[in-house]
Amino acid sequence: MSSVDNLDEMKSYLTPREENPMTASYQNTTSIACPVCEESFDYLVVCKHDETSLSLGKVMNLCTVTNEDGRLFLFTHE
């Protein structure tokens, strides 16, 4: 499931948390591996636009991937 080719499919295994016009976030409640570092991640944030502003409430590591449509996927690691 950690294949970068299956990013949209991966969302179906995650728990939806927040969605707004700019982003959607999903919590990894099943310990799926990050497609970048292969470690379990906490949240997936999907950016819906080319330019998006994020406000992070705490310090965390991020892994990033873009899909074939150019959408940015952020994987958070606390």
Protein backbone atom coordinates (compact mmCIF):
# COMPACT_ATOMS: atom_id res chain seq x y z
CA MET A 1 0.00 0.00 0.00
CA SER A 2 2.97 2.36 0.31
CA SER A 3 3.30 2.80 -3.46
CA VAL A 4 3.31 6.41 -4.62
CA ASP A 5 1.09 5.32 -7.54
CA ASN A 6 -1.78 4.59 -5.13
CA LEU A 7 -2.02 7.90 -3.23
CA ASP A 8 -5.71 8.44 -3.95
CA GLU A 9 -6.49 4.83 -3.04
CA MET A 10 -4.51 5.24 0.19
CA LYS A 11 -6.98 7.91 1.36
CA SER A 12 -9.75 5.28 1.53
CA TYR A 13 -7.80 3.47 4.29
CA LEU A 14 -7.43 6.63 6.40
CA THR A 15 -9.89 8.43 8.71
CA PRO A 16 -11.09 11.79 7.29
CA ARG A 17 -10.52 14.66 9.77
CA GLU A 18 -10.81 18.13 8.19
CA GLU A 19 -11.61 19.50 4.78
CA ASN A 20 -11.75 23.04 3.45
CA PRO A 21 -11.40 24.62 0.00
CA MET A 22 -7.57 24.47 0.20
CA THR A 23 -6.76 21.14 1.92
CA ALA A 24 -8.11 17.84 3.20
CA SER A 25 -6.58 15.93 6.10
CA TYR A 26 -6.77 12.26 7.00
CA GLN A 27 -5.55 10.49 10.15
CA ASN A 28 -3.56 7.28 9.83
CA THR A 29 -5.37 5.11 12.38
CA THR A 30 -4.18 1.82 10.84
CA SER A 31 -0.39 2.43 10.80
CA ILE A 32 0.01 2.55 7.02
CA ALA A 33 3.60 3.18 5.92
CA CYS A 34 4.63 6.51 4.41
CA PRO A 35 5.45 6.06 0.69
CA VAL A 36 8.57 8.23 1.11
CA CYS A 37 10.32 6.97 4.26
CA GLU A 38 8.35 3.74 4.80
CA GLU A 39 7.69 4.64 8.48
CA SER A 40 4.16 4.95 9.85
CA PHE A 41 2.83 8.51 9.50
CA ASP A 42 0.31 10.43 11.62
CA TYR A 43 -1.64 12.50 9.09
CA LEU A 44 -1.93 12.88 5.35
CA VAL A 45 -2.65 16.42 4.15
CA VAL A 46 -3.74 16.77 0.52
CA CYS A 47 -3.28 20.22 -1.03
CA LYS A 48 -6.07 20.99 -3.50
CA HIS A 49 -4.44 24.00 -5.19
CA ASP A 50 -1.01 24.87 -6.55
CA GLU A 51 -0.58 27.48 -3.84
CA THR A 52 -1.71 26.61 -0.32
CA SER A 53 -0.89 28.11 3.06
CA LEU A 54 -0.58 25.78 6.04
CA SER A 55 -0.46 26.69 9.71
CA LEU A 56 1.24 23.97 11.73
CA GLY A 57 0.45 24.00 15.43
CA LYS A 58 3.57 22.03 16.42
CA VAL A 59 6.96 20.97 15.16
CA MET A 60 6.87 17.80 13.07
CA ASN A 61 8.75 16.07 10.28
CA LEU A 62 7.17 16.09 6.84
CA CYS A 63 7.53 13.84 3.81
CA THR A 64 6.12 15.17 0.53
CA VAL A 65 5.02 13.57 -2.74
CA THR A 66 3.19 14.88 -5.79
CA ASN A 67 0.88 12.63 -7.78
CA GLU A 68 0.58 12.46 -11.56
CA ASP A 69 -1.92 15.39 -11.48
CA GLY A 70 0.59 17.57 -9.62
CA ARG A 71 -1.31 17.57 -6.30
CA LEU A 72 0.92 17.75 -3.23
CA PHE A 73 0.54 15.10 -0.52
CA LEU A 74 2.14 15.83 2.88
CA PHE A 75 2.78 13.01 5.33
CA THR A 76 3.28 14.23 8.92
CA HIS A 77 5.47 12.47 11.47
CA GLU A 78 5.21 13.73 15.07
